[in-house]
């Protein structure tokens, strides 16, 4: 798969490095593909394809896998980029694009950051990104809308957020990030591991 670029020109095809990072984490935790499939609800065949870099997984799929591996999606993406550093210059921050929705995720925090992570997301018009409850089990999270409007559904509760609004997430529930406005939405997510 050819690398594409975000508006800043940074490549975001992380297929092979994500494959290596995920397999390394799975093996490091002593999990077989079957065990990871059972823990995440993702099929063995799909996990094998991801680990061979044959498919570019969606954000929702990566969230399920990273949760089952005991890490955040940000940690998984950052680990795909290599050695931990304390300074994360914008041009070197890992950027990943969901092949299904066009959702672009930038890991802003340095890879050395373990307890607190900042993630910048651009959600295209009409994009809808569901995230499973399992991806929130061991984290606290806040969302700050930087530009545009975001509809965030947390379980049964719907939050319509606009630029400057900041939401602290409640107890872990399945969530949906949705852009119903006529322009792209950009927001910052602060994630703290419990």
N, C-alpha and C. Protein backbone atom coordinates (compact mmCIF):
# COMPACT_ATOMS: atom_id res chain seq x y z
N UNK A 1 0.85 -1.18 0.00
CA UNK A 1 0.00 0.00 0.00
C UNK A 1 0.89 1.23 0.00
N UNK A 2 0.64 2.16 -0.86
CA UNK A 2 1.45 3.37 -0.95
C UNK A 2 1.12 4.31 0.19
N UNK A 3 2.13 5.03 0.64
CA UNK A 3 1.91 6.00 1.71
C UNK A 3 1.19 7.21 1.14
N UNK A 4 0.29 7.76 1.92
CA UNK A 4 -0.39 9.00 1.57
C UNK A 4 0.15 10.07 2.50
N UNK A 5 -0.34 11.28 2.35
CA UNK A 5 0.15 12.35 3.22
C UNK A 5 -1.01 13.16 3.76
N UNK A 6 -0.85 13.66 4.97
CA UNK A 6 -1.85 14.54 5.55
C UNK A 6 -1.59 15.95 5.01
N UNK A 7 -2.40 16.94 5.40
CA UNK A 7 -2.20 18.29 4.88
C UNK A 7 -0.80 18.85 5.17
N UNK A 8 -0.11 18.35 6.20
CA UNK A 8 1.23 18.83 6.52
C UNK A 8 2.30 18.05 5.76
N UNK A 9 1.89 17.08 4.93
CA UNK A 9 2.84 16.33 4.12
C UNK A 9 3.44 15.12 4.79
N UNK A 10 2.96 14.72 5.96
CA UNK A 10 3.53 13.58 6.67
C UNK A 10 2.89 12.28 6.19
N UNK A 11 3.71 11.29 5.89
CA UNK A 11 3.19 10.00 5.46
C UNK A 11 2.47 9.32 6.62
N UNK A 12 1.38 8.60 6.31
CA UNK A 12 0.68 7.91 7.38
C UNK A 12 0.37 6.46 7.06
N UNK A 13 1.06 5.86 6.16
CA UNK A 13 0.89 4.43 5.94
C UNK A 13 1.78 3.70 6.94
N UNK A 14 1.20 3.25 8.03
CA UNK A 14 1.94 2.57 9.09
C UNK A 14 1.68 1.07 9.08
N UNK A 15 1.16 0.54 7.99
CA UNK A 15 0.75 -0.87 7.96
C UNK A 15 1.82 -1.82 8.47
N UNK A 16 3.02 -1.74 7.91
CA UNK A 16 4.05 -2.72 8.30
C UNK A 16 4.56 -2.47 9.72
N UNK A 17 4.73 -1.21 10.12
CA UNK A 17 5.21 -0.96 11.49
C UNK A 17 4.12 -1.25 12.52
N UNK A 18 2.85 -1.03 12.18
CA UNK A 18 1.75 -1.40 13.08
C UNK A 18 1.68 -2.92 13.22
N UNK A 19 1.90 -3.61 12.11
CA UNK A 19 1.89 -5.08 12.14
C UNK A 19 2.96 -5.60 13.09
N UNK A 20 4.16 -5.06 12.97
CA UNK A 20 5.27 -5.48 13.82
C UNK A 20 5.00 -5.15 15.28
N UNK A 21 4.51 -3.93 15.55
CA UNK A 21 4.23 -3.49 16.93
C UNK A 21 3.16 -4.36 17.57
N UNK A 22 2.10 -4.66 16.82
CA UNK A 22 1.02 -5.46 17.38
C UNK A 22 1.47 -6.89 17.66
N UNK A 23 2.18 -7.49 16.72
CA UNK A 23 2.65 -8.86 16.92
C UNK A 23 3.63 -8.92 18.10
N UNK A 24 4.51 -7.92 18.19
CA UNK A 24 5.48 -7.87 19.28
C UNK A 24 4.78 -7.78 20.64
N UNK A 25 3.77 -6.92 20.72
CA UNK A 25 3.03 -6.77 21.97
C UNK A 25 2.27 -8.06 22.32
N UNK A 26 1.66 -8.67 21.32
CA UNK A 26 0.91 -9.93 21.54
C UNK A 26 1.84 -11.01 22.07
N UNK A 27 2.99 -11.18 21.41
CA UNK A 27 3.95 -12.20 21.83
C UNK A 27 4.55 -11.87 23.20
N UNK A 28 4.79 -10.58 23.44
CA UNK A 28 5.32 -10.13 24.74
C UNK A 28 4.38 -10.43 25.90
N UNK A 29 3.10 -10.46 25.61
CA UNK A 29 2.11 -10.79 26.64
C UNK A 29 1.81 -12.29 26.67
N UNK A 30 2.51 -13.05 25.83
CA UNK A 30 2.33 -14.50 25.81
C UNK A 30 0.99 -14.94 25.25
N UNK A 31 0.44 -14.14 24.33
CA UNK A 31 -0.86 -14.46 23.75
C UNK A 31 -0.72 -15.10 22.37
N UNK A 32 -1.49 -16.12 22.13
CA UNK A 32 -1.59 -16.69 20.79
C UNK A 32 -2.56 -15.82 20.00
N UNK A 33 -2.59 -16.01 18.70
CA UNK A 33 -3.59 -15.29 17.89
C UNK A 33 -4.99 -15.68 18.34
N UNK A 34 -5.20 -16.96 18.69
CA UNK A 34 -6.52 -17.40 19.17
C UNK A 34 -6.92 -16.67 20.45
N UNK A 35 -5.97 -16.53 21.38
CA UNK A 35 -6.26 -15.85 22.66
C UNK A 35 -6.60 -14.37 22.42
N UNK A 36 -5.84 -13.72 21.53
CA UNK A 36 -6.13 -12.32 21.22
C UNK A 36 -7.49 -12.19 20.53
N UNK A 37 -7.80 -13.11 19.65
CA UNK A 37 -9.11 -13.09 18.98
C UNK A 37 -10.23 -13.21 19.99
N UNK A 38 -10.06 -14.10 20.94
CA UNK A 38 -11.09 -14.30 21.96
C UNK A 38 -11.24 -13.06 22.85
N UNK A 39 -10.11 -12.46 23.24
CA UNK A 39 -10.14 -11.28 24.13
C UNK A 39 -10.68 -10.04 23.43
N UNK A 40 -10.44 -9.91 22.13
CA UNK A 40 -10.81 -8.69 21.41
C UNK A 40 -12.12 -8.79 20.63
N UNK A 41 -12.54 -10.02 20.31
CA UNK A 41 -13.72 -10.18 19.47
C UNK A 41 -13.39 -9.97 17.99
N UNK A 42 -12.09 -9.90 17.65
CA UNK A 42 -11.66 -9.76 16.26
C UNK A 42 -11.27 -11.16 15.77
N UNK A 43 -11.64 -11.52 14.57
CA UNK A 43 -11.37 -12.86 14.07
C UNK A 43 -9.87 -13.16 13.97
N UNK A 44 -9.53 -14.43 14.11
CA UNK A 44 -8.13 -14.87 13.97
C UNK A 44 -7.61 -14.51 12.58
N UNK A 45 -8.44 -14.70 11.57
CA UNK A 45 -8.02 -14.40 10.20
C UNK A 45 -7.66 -12.93 10.03
N UNK A 46 -8.48 -12.05 10.62
CA UNK A 46 -8.21 -10.61 10.51
C UNK A 46 -6.93 -10.24 11.25
N UNK A 47 -6.73 -10.80 12.46
CA UNK A 47 -5.51 -10.52 13.22
C UNK A 47 -4.29 -10.96 12.43
N UNK A 48 -4.36 -12.13 11.83
CA UNK A 48 -3.24 -12.64 11.03
C UNK A 48 -2.96 -11.71 9.84
N UNK A 49 -4.01 -11.24 9.17
CA UNK A 49 -3.83 -10.31 8.05
C UNK A 49 -3.20 -9.00 8.50
N UNK A 50 -3.62 -8.49 9.66
CA UNK A 50 -3.03 -7.25 10.18
C UNK A 50 -1.56 -7.46 10.50
N UNK A 51 -1.25 -8.58 11.16
CA UNK A 51 0.14 -8.86 11.53
C UNK A 51 1.03 -9.12 10.32
N UNK A 52 0.46 -9.50 9.20
CA UNK A 52 1.23 -9.66 7.96
C UNK A 52 1.19 -8.39 7.12
N UNK A 53 0.56 -7.34 7.63
CA UNK A 53 0.42 -6.05 6.93
C UNK A 53 -0.30 -6.19 5.59
N UNK A 54 -1.26 -7.09 5.54
CA UNK A 54 -2.04 -7.30 4.31
C UNK A 54 -3.25 -6.40 4.25
N UNK A 55 -3.67 -5.87 5.40
CA UNK A 55 -4.83 -4.96 5.45
C UNK A 55 -4.49 -3.76 6.32
N UNK A 56 -5.15 -2.66 6.03
CA UNK A 56 -5.04 -1.45 6.86
C UNK A 56 -6.28 -1.46 7.75
N UNK A 57 -6.13 -1.75 9.06
CA UNK A 57 -7.30 -1.86 9.94
C UNK A 57 -7.96 -0.50 10.21
N UNK A 58 -9.23 -0.55 10.55
CA UNK A 58 -9.97 0.66 10.91
C UNK A 58 -9.64 1.06 12.34
N UNK A 59 -10.03 2.28 12.70
CA UNK A 59 -9.81 2.78 14.06
C UNK A 59 -10.55 1.92 15.08
N UNK A 60 -11.79 1.55 14.77
CA UNK A 60 -12.57 0.74 15.71
C UNK A 60 -11.91 -0.62 15.93
N UNK A 61 -11.40 -1.23 14.88
CA UNK A 61 -10.75 -2.53 14.99
C UNK A 61 -9.46 -2.42 15.81
N UNK A 62 -8.65 -1.39 15.52
CA UNK A 62 -7.41 -1.19 16.28
C UNK A 62 -7.70 -0.90 17.75
N UNK A 63 -8.78 -0.18 18.03
CA UNK A 63 -9.16 0.11 19.42
C UNK A 63 -9.48 -1.18 20.17
N UNK A 64 -10.19 -2.09 19.52
CA UNK A 64 -10.53 -3.38 20.15
C UNK A 64 -9.27 -4.20 20.42
N UNK A 65 -8.36 -4.22 19.45
CA UNK A 65 -7.13 -4.99 19.61
C UNK A 65 -6.20 -4.38 20.66
N UNK A 66 -6.03 -3.06 20.62
CA UNK A 66 -5.14 -2.42 21.60
C UNK A 66 -5.68 -2.60 23.01
N UNK A 67 -7.01 -2.49 23.19
CA UNK A 67 -7.60 -2.71 24.50
C UNK A 67 -7.34 -4.12 25.01
N UNK A 68 -7.46 -5.10 24.13
CA UNK A 68 -7.21 -6.50 24.52
C UNK A 68 -5.74 -6.74 24.82
N UNK A 69 -4.87 -5.91 24.25
CA UNK A 69 -3.43 -6.01 24.51
C UNK A 69 -2.99 -5.18 25.72
N UNK A 70 -3.96 -4.52 26.37
CA UNK A 70 -3.65 -3.74 27.57
C UNK A 70 -2.96 -2.42 27.30
N UNK A 71 -3.23 -1.85 26.13
CA UNK A 71 -2.63 -0.56 25.80
C UNK A 71 -3.66 0.32 25.10
N UNK A 72 -3.36 1.61 25.05
CA UNK A 72 -4.27 2.52 24.35
C UNK A 72 -3.95 2.49 22.87
N UNK A 73 -4.88 2.97 22.08
CA UNK A 73 -4.66 3.07 20.64
C UNK A 73 -3.47 3.98 20.36
N UNK A 74 -3.33 5.05 21.14
CA UNK A 74 -2.19 5.97 20.98
C UNK A 74 -0.87 5.26 21.23
N UNK A 75 -0.83 4.42 22.26
CA UNK A 75 0.40 3.68 22.54
C UNK A 75 0.75 2.73 21.41
N UNK A 76 -0.25 2.07 20.86
CA UNK A 76 -0.01 1.15 19.76
C UNK A 76 0.56 1.89 18.55
N UNK A 77 -0.06 3.02 18.21
CA UNK A 77 0.42 3.79 17.06
C UNK A 77 1.81 4.37 17.33
N UNK A 78 2.04 4.88 18.54
CA UNK A 78 3.36 5.42 18.88
C UNK A 78 4.42 4.33 18.86
N UNK A 79 4.09 3.13 19.33
CA UNK A 79 5.07 2.05 19.34
C UNK A 79 5.43 1.61 17.92
N UNK A 80 4.53 1.86 16.98
CA UNK A 80 4.81 1.54 15.59
C UNK A 80 5.86 2.48 15.00
N UNK A 81 6.08 3.60 15.65
CA UNK A 81 7.02 4.59 15.14
C UNK A 81 8.44 4.44 15.66
N UNK A 82 8.67 3.53 16.59
CA UNK A 82 10.06 3.28 17.00
C UNK A 82 10.41 3.76 18.39
N UNK A 83 11.65 4.22 18.54
CA UNK A 83 12.23 4.51 19.85
C UNK A 83 11.55 5.69 20.54
N UNK A 84 11.36 5.56 21.87
CA UNK A 84 10.75 6.63 22.65
C UNK A 84 11.66 7.86 22.74
N UNK A 85 11.07 9.02 22.58
CA UNK A 85 11.78 10.28 22.74
C UNK A 85 10.94 11.17 23.63
N UNK A 86 11.61 12.17 24.25
CA UNK A 86 10.88 13.09 25.12
C UNK A 86 10.32 14.29 24.37
N UNK A 87 10.82 14.57 23.19
CA UNK A 87 10.36 15.69 22.38
C UNK A 87 9.72 15.15 21.11
N UNK A 88 8.51 15.56 20.86
CA UNK A 88 7.81 15.12 19.65
C UNK A 88 7.60 16.31 18.73
N UNK A 89 8.48 16.50 17.79
CA UNK A 89 8.33 17.57 16.82
C UNK A 89 7.18 17.21 15.87
N UNK A 90 6.41 18.20 15.49
CA UNK A 90 5.20 17.96 14.69
C UNK A 90 5.49 17.11 13.45
N UNK A 91 6.58 17.40 12.76
CA UNK A 91 6.87 16.67 11.52
C UNK A 91 7.22 15.20 11.75
N UNK A 92 7.49 14.81 13.01
CA UNK A 92 7.83 13.42 13.31
C UNK A 92 6.74 12.70 14.11
N UNK A 93 5.64 13.39 14.40
CA UNK A 93 4.56 12.76 15.16
C UNK A 93 3.84 11.74 14.28
N UNK A 94 3.62 10.53 14.80
CA UNK A 94 2.95 9.51 14.00
C UNK A 94 1.52 9.93 13.63
N UNK A 95 1.21 9.81 12.36
CA UNK A 95 -0.11 10.15 11.85
C UNK A 95 -0.67 8.89 11.18
N UNK A 96 -1.92 8.60 11.48
CA UNK A 96 -2.57 7.41 10.93
C UNK A 96 -3.94 7.80 10.41
N UNK A 97 -4.32 7.25 9.27
CA UNK A 97 -5.62 7.54 8.69
C UNK A 97 -6.45 6.27 8.61
N UNK A 98 -7.67 6.34 9.13
CA UNK A 98 -8.60 5.23 9.05
C UNK A 98 -9.01 5.06 7.59
N UNK A 99 -8.79 3.88 7.01
CA UNK A 99 -9.10 3.69 5.60
C UNK A 99 -10.60 3.72 5.30
N UNK A 100 -11.42 3.51 6.31
CA UNK A 100 -12.86 3.44 6.10
C UNK A 100 -13.53 4.81 6.20
N UNK A 101 -13.13 5.63 7.19
CA UNK A 101 -13.83 6.89 7.46
C UNK A 101 -13.06 8.14 7.05
N UNK A 102 -11.75 8.01 6.85
CA UNK A 102 -10.93 9.18 6.55
C UNK A 102 -10.49 9.92 7.80
N UNK A 103 -10.85 9.40 8.96
CA UNK A 103 -10.46 9.96 10.26
C UNK A 103 -8.94 9.96 10.35
N UNK A 104 -8.33 11.11 10.67
CA UNK A 104 -6.87 11.22 10.75
C UNK A 104 -6.49 11.46 12.21
N UNK A 105 -5.59 10.63 12.71
CA UNK A 105 -5.19 10.65 14.11
C UNK A 105 -3.70 10.93 14.20
N UNK A 106 -3.31 11.97 14.95
CA UNK A 106 -1.91 12.35 15.15
C UNK A 106 -1.56 12.12 16.62
N UNK A 107 -0.55 11.29 16.89
CA UNK A 107 -0.07 11.07 18.26
C UNK A 107 0.85 12.24 18.60
N UNK A 108 0.32 13.23 19.31
CA UNK A 108 1.04 14.47 19.61
C UNK A 108 2.11 14.25 20.68
N UNK A 109 1.79 13.46 21.68
CA UNK A 109 2.71 13.25 22.81
C UNK A 109 3.96 12.50 22.38
N UNK A 110 5.09 12.82 23.03
CA UNK A 110 6.31 12.03 22.78
C UNK A 110 6.05 10.56 23.12
N UNK A 111 6.71 9.68 22.41
CA UNK A 111 6.55 8.25 22.63
C UNK A 111 6.97 7.84 24.03
N UNK A 112 7.84 8.62 24.67
CA UNK A 112 8.30 8.31 26.03
C UNK A 112 7.20 8.54 27.07
N UNK A 113 6.15 9.28 26.69
CA UNK A 113 5.06 9.57 27.61
C UNK A 113 4.23 8.30 27.82
N UNK A 114 4.13 7.87 29.07
CA UNK A 114 3.42 6.62 29.32
C UNK A 114 2.09 6.82 30.03
N UNK A 115 1.99 7.77 30.92
CA UNK A 115 0.76 7.94 31.69
C UNK A 115 -0.22 8.92 31.04
N UNK A 116 0.30 9.92 30.34
CA UNK A 116 -0.55 10.93 29.71
C UNK A 116 -0.23 10.98 28.23
N UNK A 117 -1.27 10.97 27.41
CA UNK A 117 -1.09 11.04 25.97
C UNK A 117 -2.05 12.07 25.40
N UNK A 118 -1.55 12.85 24.44
CA UNK A 118 -2.37 13.80 23.72
C UNK A 118 -2.47 13.32 22.28
N UNK A 119 -3.70 13.35 21.76
CA UNK A 119 -3.95 12.90 20.39
C UNK A 119 -4.80 13.96 19.70
N UNK A 120 -4.35 14.39 18.52
CA UNK A 120 -5.11 15.34 17.72
C UNK A 120 -5.82 14.56 16.62
N UNK A 121 -7.10 14.83 16.46
CA UNK A 121 -7.90 14.09 15.48
C UNK A 121 -8.59 15.06 14.54
N UNK A 122 -8.60 14.71 13.25
CA UNK A 122 -9.42 15.44 12.29
C UNK A 122 -10.47 14.48 11.78
N UNK A 123 -11.72 14.86 11.97
CA UNK A 123 -12.86 14.03 11.59
C UNK A 123 -13.53 14.68 10.38
N UNK A 124 -13.50 14.02 9.22
CA UNK A 124 -14.09 14.61 8.01
C UNK A 124 -15.61 14.75 8.12
N UNK A 125 -16.16 15.54 7.24
CA UNK A 125 -17.61 15.72 7.16
C UNK A 125 -18.28 14.36 6.96
N UNK A 126 -19.33 14.12 7.70
CA UNK A 126 -20.15 12.90 7.64
C UNK A 126 -19.46 11.66 8.20
N UNK A 127 -18.28 11.80 8.77
CA UNK A 127 -17.58 10.63 9.34
C UNK A 127 -18.25 10.23 10.65
N UNK A 128 -18.28 8.92 10.86
CA UNK A 128 -18.85 8.34 12.08
C UNK A 128 -17.92 7.21 12.51
N UNK A 129 -17.30 7.36 13.70
CA UNK A 129 -16.31 6.39 14.18
C UNK A 129 -16.78 5.80 15.51
N UNK A 130 -17.26 4.56 15.51
CA UNK A 130 -17.65 3.91 16.76
C UNK A 130 -16.43 3.33 17.46
N UNK A 131 -16.41 3.40 18.78
CA UNK A 131 -15.34 2.82 19.58
C UNK A 131 -15.97 1.91 20.64
N UNK A 132 -15.43 0.72 20.81
CA UNK A 132 -16.02 -0.22 21.77
C UNK A 132 -15.71 0.15 23.21
N UNK A 133 -16.55 -0.28 24.10
CA UNK A 133 -16.38 -0.05 25.54
C UNK A 133 -14.99 -0.50 26.02
N UNK A 134 -14.51 -1.60 25.46
CA UNK A 134 -13.23 -2.18 25.90
C UNK A 134 -12.05 -1.22 25.72
N UNK A 135 -12.15 -0.29 24.79
CA UNK A 135 -11.04 0.64 24.57
C UNK A 135 -10.97 1.72 25.66
N UNK A 136 -11.96 1.78 26.54
CA UNK A 136 -11.99 2.79 27.61
C UNK A 136 -11.81 2.19 29.00
N UNK A 137 -11.61 0.89 29.10
CA UNK A 137 -11.61 0.21 30.41
C UNK A 137 -10.51 0.67 31.36
N UNK A 138 -9.34 1.03 30.86
CA UNK A 138 -8.24 1.37 31.76
C UNK A 138 -7.70 2.78 31.54
N UNK A 139 -8.56 3.68 31.02
CA UNK A 139 -8.13 5.05 30.77
C UNK A 139 -9.17 6.06 31.25
N UNK A 140 -8.70 7.26 31.53
CA UNK A 140 -9.55 8.43 31.72
C UNK A 140 -9.30 9.30 30.50
N UNK A 141 -10.34 9.99 30.03
CA UNK A 141 -10.19 10.72 28.77
C UNK A 141 -11.00 12.01 28.80
N UNK A 142 -10.41 13.05 28.20
CA UNK A 142 -11.11 14.31 27.97
C UNK A 142 -11.00 14.66 26.50
N UNK A 143 -12.04 15.31 25.98
CA UNK A 143 -12.07 15.73 24.57
C UNK A 143 -12.24 17.24 24.55
N UNK A 144 -11.33 17.93 23.84
CA UNK A 144 -11.40 19.38 23.65
C UNK A 144 -11.58 19.64 22.16
N UNK A 145 -12.71 20.24 21.77
CA UNK A 145 -12.95 20.55 20.37
C UNK A 145 -12.18 21.83 20.02
N UNK A 146 -11.33 21.73 18.99
CA UNK A 146 -10.50 22.85 18.56
C UNK A 146 -11.15 23.63 17.42
N UNK A 147 -11.86 22.92 16.54
CA UNK A 147 -12.46 23.55 15.37
C UNK A 147 -13.66 22.72 14.93
N UNK A 148 -14.73 23.40 14.55
CA UNK A 148 -15.91 22.70 14.05
C UNK A 148 -16.82 22.20 15.16
N UNK A 149 -17.58 21.16 14.85
CA UNK A 149 -18.55 20.60 15.78
C UNK A 149 -18.41 19.08 15.83
N UNK A 150 -18.59 18.54 17.02
CA UNK A 150 -18.47 17.10 17.22
C UNK A 150 -19.70 16.61 17.97
N UNK A 151 -20.31 15.57 17.44
CA UNK A 151 -21.36 14.88 18.19
C UNK A 151 -20.69 13.64 18.78
N UNK A 152 -20.70 13.58 20.12
CA UNK A 152 -20.07 12.47 20.81
C UNK A 152 -21.15 11.74 21.59
N UNK A 153 -21.36 10.48 21.24
CA UNK A 153 -22.36 9.67 21.92
C UNK A 153 -21.65 8.71 22.85
N UNK A 154 -22.00 8.79 24.11
CA UNK A 154 -21.38 8.00 25.18
C UNK A 154 -22.48 7.13 25.78
N UNK A 155 -22.53 5.86 25.34
CA UNK A 155 -23.64 5.01 25.76
C UNK A 155 -24.92 5.56 25.16
N UNK A 156 -25.85 5.96 26.02
CA UNK A 156 -27.12 6.54 25.57
C UNK A 156 -27.09 8.07 25.59
N UNK A 157 -26.05 8.66 26.16
CA UNK A 157 -25.96 10.12 26.30
C UNK A 157 -25.29 10.75 25.09
N UNK A 158 -25.93 11.80 24.54
CA UNK A 158 -25.40 12.49 23.36
C UNK A 158 -24.89 13.86 23.79
N UNK A 159 -23.67 14.19 23.37
CA UNK A 159 -23.05 15.49 23.66
C UNK A 159 -22.77 16.17 22.32
N UNK A 160 -23.36 17.33 22.09
CA UNK A 160 -23.06 18.13 20.91
C UNK A 160 -22.05 19.19 21.34
N UNK A 161 -20.83 19.08 20.85
CA UNK A 161 -19.72 19.92 21.28
C UNK A 161 -19.29 20.84 20.15
N UNK A 162 -18.92 22.07 20.51
CA UNK A 162 -18.41 23.01 19.51
C UNK A 162 -17.04 23.51 19.97
N UNK A 163 -16.37 24.28 19.13
CA UNK A 163 -15.01 24.75 19.41
C UNK A 163 -14.94 25.37 20.82
N UNK A 164 -13.97 24.92 21.59
CA UNK A 164 -13.76 25.41 22.95
C UNK A 164 -14.39 24.53 24.02
N UNK A 165 -15.35 23.67 23.65
CA UNK A 165 -15.99 22.78 24.62
C UNK A 165 -15.05 21.63 24.97
N UNK A 166 -15.04 21.27 26.26
CA UNK A 166 -14.21 20.16 26.74
C UNK A 166 -15.08 19.22 27.55
N UNK A 167 -15.02 17.93 27.24
CA UNK A 167 -15.84 16.93 27.90
C UNK A 167 -14.97 15.90 28.59
N UNK A 168 -15.25 15.64 29.86
CA UNK A 168 -14.62 14.54 30.61
C UNK A 168 -15.51 13.32 30.42
N UNK A 169 -14.95 12.22 29.93
CA UNK A 169 -15.74 11.02 29.74
C UNK A 169 -16.08 10.38 31.08
N UNK A 170 -17.24 9.72 31.12
CA UNK A 170 -17.69 9.03 32.32
C UNK A 170 -17.21 7.60 32.35
N UNK A 171 -17.99 6.74 32.95
CA UNK A 171 -17.65 5.32 33.04
C UNK A 171 -17.53 4.71 31.65
N UNK A 172 -16.68 3.69 31.48
CA UNK A 172 -16.48 3.08 30.17
C UNK A 172 -17.79 2.60 29.53
N UNK A 173 -18.02 3.06 28.31
CA UNK A 173 -19.18 2.67 27.51
C UNK A 173 -18.78 2.70 26.05
N UNK A 174 -19.54 2.03 25.22
CA UNK A 174 -19.34 2.16 23.78
C UNK A 174 -19.62 3.61 23.40
N UNK A 175 -18.79 4.17 22.53
CA UNK A 175 -18.91 5.59 22.16
C UNK A 175 -18.88 5.74 20.65
N UNK A 176 -19.39 6.88 20.19
CA UNK A 176 -19.36 7.21 18.76
C UNK A 176 -18.91 8.65 18.60
N UNK A 177 -17.90 8.86 17.75
CA UNK A 177 -17.46 10.20 17.36
C UNK A 177 -18.09 10.46 16.00
N UNK A 178 -18.79 11.60 15.87
CA UNK A 178 -19.53 11.85 14.63
C UNK A 178 -19.46 13.32 14.24
N UNK A 179 -19.26 13.55 12.95
CA UNK A 179 -19.24 14.92 12.43
C UNK A 179 -20.44 15.10 11.51
N UNK A 180 -21.43 15.84 12.01
CA UNK A 180 -22.65 16.09 11.22
C UNK A 180 -22.65 17.49 10.61
N UNK A 181 -21.58 18.25 10.86
CA UNK A 181 -21.51 19.63 10.36
C UNK A 181 -21.03 19.64 8.90
N UNK A 182 -20.98 20.82 8.32
CA UNK A 182 -20.59 20.97 6.92
C UNK A 182 -19.10 21.16 6.70
N UNK A 183 -18.30 21.10 7.76
CA UNK A 183 -16.85 21.23 7.61
C UNK A 183 -16.16 20.25 8.56
N UNK A 184 -14.89 20.02 8.32
CA UNK A 184 -14.12 19.08 9.14
C UNK A 184 -14.10 19.54 10.59
N UNK A 185 -14.01 18.59 11.49
CA UNK A 185 -13.92 18.85 12.92
C UNK A 185 -12.53 18.43 13.38
N UNK A 186 -11.91 19.27 14.19
CA UNK A 186 -10.60 18.94 14.74
C UNK A 186 -10.71 19.00 16.26
N UNK A 187 -10.22 17.96 16.94
CA UNK A 187 -10.29 17.94 18.39
C UNK A 187 -9.05 17.29 18.98
N UNK A 188 -8.82 17.59 20.25
CA UNK A 188 -7.70 17.06 20.98
C UNK A 188 -8.23 16.12 22.06
N UNK A 189 -7.62 14.95 22.18
CA UNK A 189 -8.02 13.99 23.19
C UNK A 189 -6.86 13.84 24.16
N UNK A 190 -7.13 14.03 25.45
CA UNK A 190 -6.14 13.80 26.50
C UNK A 190 -6.50 12.45 27.15
N UNK A 191 -5.55 11.54 27.15
CA UNK A 191 -5.76 10.19 27.66
C UNK A 191 -4.79 9.94 28.80
N UNK A 192 -5.33 9.51 29.95
CA UNK A 192 -4.48 9.16 31.09
C UNK A 192 -4.79 7.74 31.48
N UNK A 193 -3.72 6.93 31.57
CA UNK A 193 -3.92 5.55 32.00
C UNK A 193 -4.21 5.51 33.48
N UNK A 194 -5.13 4.63 33.87
CA UNK A 194 -5.47 4.47 35.29
C UNK A 194 -4.45 3.61 35.96
